[in-house]
Amino acid sequence: MAIFSKTCEYAIRAVFYIALKTVAGGRVGIKDIATGIDSPELYLAKILQDLSRKGLISSVKGPHGGFFIEPPSLSRPLSDIVEAVDGDSLFYGCGLGLKQCSEVNPCPLHNEFKDIRDRIHKLLNTTTIGEFNSELIDGLLSLKK
């Protein structure tokens, strides 16, 4: 079971892949990224276009173009990607999807879900885009299903 939408899963995996492939400079193309993370190319292209518009990744068009990550962006938290793609409901929403759920008017899962939600938020806020590059380079981690 995944906690992210399919779009967000692809976005996070693609950003990790782009960071891995462009850490020493250069750019990576959409075909390479799609193959590298087992993603449909056209779907991924739309995701990456959106991430580029929102400033999480960079891109250059043309024969020597492709996607890359500016070095300062390697220290951005993963929560930036999640919020750019899925919004912040994972961090602040109700586990049952109720709009009126709050401390004053809690749903049956409120207290337990709030703890889990807060831990996920902390994890994604303290984990950076470039944090796993060395493990990915060494083949210790995978981006494919």
Protein backbone atom coordinates (compact mmCIF):
# COMPACT_ATOMS: atom_id res chain seq x y z
CA MET A 1 0.00 0.00 0.00
CA ALA A 2 1.29 3.44 -0.89
CA ILE A 3 0.67 6.64 1.04
CA PHE A 4 1.24 8.83 -2.03
CA SER A 5 -0.82 9.17 -5.19
CA LYS A 6 0.62 7.41 -8.23
CA THR A 7 1.55 10.82 -9.65
CA CYS A 8 3.42 11.71 -6.47
CA GLU A 9 5.21 8.33 -6.42
CA TYR A 10 6.47 8.91 -9.97
CA ALA A 11 7.43 12.50 -9.12
CA ILE A 12 9.53 11.49 -6.10
CA ARG A 13 11.21 8.59 -7.91
CA ALA A 14 11.89 10.80 -10.96
CA VAL A 15 13.41 13.57 -8.85
CA PHE A 16 15.67 11.04 -7.10
CA TYR A 17 16.66 9.64 -10.51
CA ILE A 18 17.37 13.08 -11.97
CA ALA A 19 19.44 13.98 -8.90
CA LEU A 20 21.40 10.73 -9.27
CA LYS A 21 22.07 11.17 -12.98
CA THR A 22 22.93 14.88 -12.91
CA VAL A 23 24.91 15.17 -9.67
CA ALA A 24 28.13 15.55 -11.68
CA GLY A 25 26.50 17.96 -14.15
CA GLY A 26 24.75 17.27 -17.41
CA ARG A 27 21.12 16.53 -18.17
CA VAL A 28 18.95 13.46 -18.46
CA GLY A 29 16.20 12.87 -21.02
CA ILE A 30 12.63 11.80 -20.45
CA LYS A 31 13.13 8.36 -22.07
CA ASP A 32 16.03 7.58 -19.74
CA ILE A 33 14.09 8.74 -16.69
CA ALA A 34 10.97 6.76 -17.64
CA THR A 35 13.05 3.60 -18.17
CA GLY A 36 15.03 4.23 -14.99
CA ILE A 37 11.94 4.37 -12.78
CA ASP A 38 9.53 2.13 -14.74
CA SER A 39 7.12 4.93 -15.60
CA PRO A 40 4.94 5.63 -18.64
CA GLU A 41 6.84 8.27 -20.61
CA LEU A 42 3.94 10.58 -21.56
CA TYR A 43 2.51 10.58 -18.02
CA LEU A 44 5.96 11.28 -16.59
CA ALA A 45 6.55 14.11 -19.07
CA LYS A 46 3.50 15.96 -17.71
CA ILE A 47 4.65 15.42 -14.12
CA LEU A 48 8.16 16.69 -14.86
CA GLN A 49 6.81 19.68 -16.76
CA ASP A 50 4.78 20.62 -13.68
CA LEU A 51 7.75 20.12 -11.32
CA SER A 52 9.87 22.28 -13.61
CA ARG A 53 7.23 25.04 -13.63
CA LYS A 54 7.18 24.93 -9.83
CA GLY A 55 10.98 25.22 -9.64
CA LEU A 56 11.76 21.80 -8.13
CA ILE A 57 13.74 20.65 -11.16
CA SER A 58 15.17 22.46 -14.17
CA SER A 59 14.97 21.68 -17.86
CA VAL A 60 16.51 22.78 -21.12
CA LYS A 61 14.86 22.15 -24.49
CA GLY A 62 16.66 21.12 -27.63
CA PRO A 63 19.01 18.39 -28.85
CA HIS A 64 21.30 18.71 -25.83
CA GLY A 65 18.46 19.41 -23.45
CA GLY A 66 16.95 17.41 -20.65
CA PHE A 67 16.17 17.61 -16.98
CA PHE A 68 18.56 18.39 -14.16
CA ILE A 69 18.61 19.59 -10.57
CA GLU A 70 20.44 22.71 -9.49
CA PRO A 71 22.87 21.90 -6.62
CA PRO A 72 20.98 24.04 -4.05
CA SER A 73 17.79 22.04 -4.77
CA LEU A 74 19.48 18.84 -3.59
CA SER A 75 18.98 20.10 -0.04
CA ARG A 76 15.24 20.72 -0.48
CA PRO A 77 12.97 18.43 1.56
CA LEU A 78 10.84 15.73 -0.07
CA SER A 79 7.80 17.44 1.45
CA ASP A 80 8.25 20.13 -1.24
CA ILE A 81 7.62 17.51 -3.95
CA VAL A 82 4.63 16.02 -2.12
CA GLU A 83 3.05 19.44 -1.63
CA ALA A 84 3.73 20.44 -5.25
CA VAL A 85 2.01 17.31 -6.56
CA ASP A 86 -0.62 16.30 -3.99
CA GLY A 87 -1.03 19.41 -1.85
CA ASP A 88 -0.71 19.31 1.92
CA SER A 89 -3.66 17.07 2.83
CA LEU A 90 -1.28 14.23 3.73
CA PHE A 91 0.19 16.49 6.41
CA TYR A 92 -2.94 18.16 7.70
CA GLY A 93 -5.96 16.20 6.49
CA CYS A 94 -8.26 13.78 8.28
CA GLY A 95 -7.55 10.04 8.02
CA LEU A 96 -11.20 9.49 7.10
CA GLY A 97 -11.33 12.46 4.73
CA LEU A 98 -13.75 14.44 6.88
CA LYS A 99 -13.62 18.20 6.36
CA GLN A 100 -14.85 19.06 9.86
CA CYS A 101 -12.36 16.82 11.71
CA SER A 102 -10.30 18.81 14.22
CA GLU A 103 -9.02 18.82 17.79
CA VAL A 104 -12.43 20.16 18.86
CA ASN A 105 -14.47 17.84 16.61
CA PRO A 106 -12.29 14.71 16.14
CA CYS A 107 -13.16 11.71 13.99
CA PRO A 108 -12.74 8.21 15.51
CA LEU A 109 -9.18 7.92 14.10
CA HIS A 110 -8.11 11.50 14.81
CA ASN A 111 -5.57 11.07 17.62
CA GLU A 112 -3.83 7.98 16.24
CA PHE A 113 -3.84 9.27 12.66
CA LYS A 114 -2.53 12.67 13.75
CA ASP A 115 0.52 10.97 15.31
CA ILE A 116 1.20 8.96 12.13
CA ARG A 117 0.58 11.99 9.91
CA ASP A 118 2.98 14.09 12.01
CA ARG A 119 5.71 11.43 11.80
CA ILE A 120 5.32 11.20 8.01
CA HIS A 121 5.49 14.98 7.77
CA LYS A 122 8.64 15.07 9.90
CA LEU A 123 10.25 12.30 7.80
CA LEU A 124 9.51 14.10 4.52
CA ASN A 125 10.53 17.47 5.95
CA THR A 126 13.91 16.17 7.14
CA THR A 127 14.73 13.96 4.14
CA THR A 128 16.34 15.82 1.26
CA ILE A 129 16.26 15.27 -2.49
CA GLY A 130 20.00 14.51 -2.65
CA GLU A 131 20.23 12.48 0.55
CA PHE A 132 20.26 9.05 -1.10
CA ASN A 133 22.53 9.78 -4.06
CA SER A 134 25.52 7.80 -2.79
CA GLU A 135 23.39 4.73 -1.98
CA LEU A 136 21.72 4.97 -5.41
CA ILE A 137 25.10 5.34 -7.15
CA ASP A 138 26.40 2.28 -5.27
CA GLY A 139 23.29 0.27 -6.22
CA LEU A 140 22.22 -0.14 -2.59
CA LEU A 141 18.81 1.41 -3.26
CA SER A 142 16.40 1.01 -6.16
CA LEU A 143 13.90 3.29 -7.92
CA LYS A 144 12.14 0.52 -9.86
CA LYS A 145 9.25 -1.61 -8.70
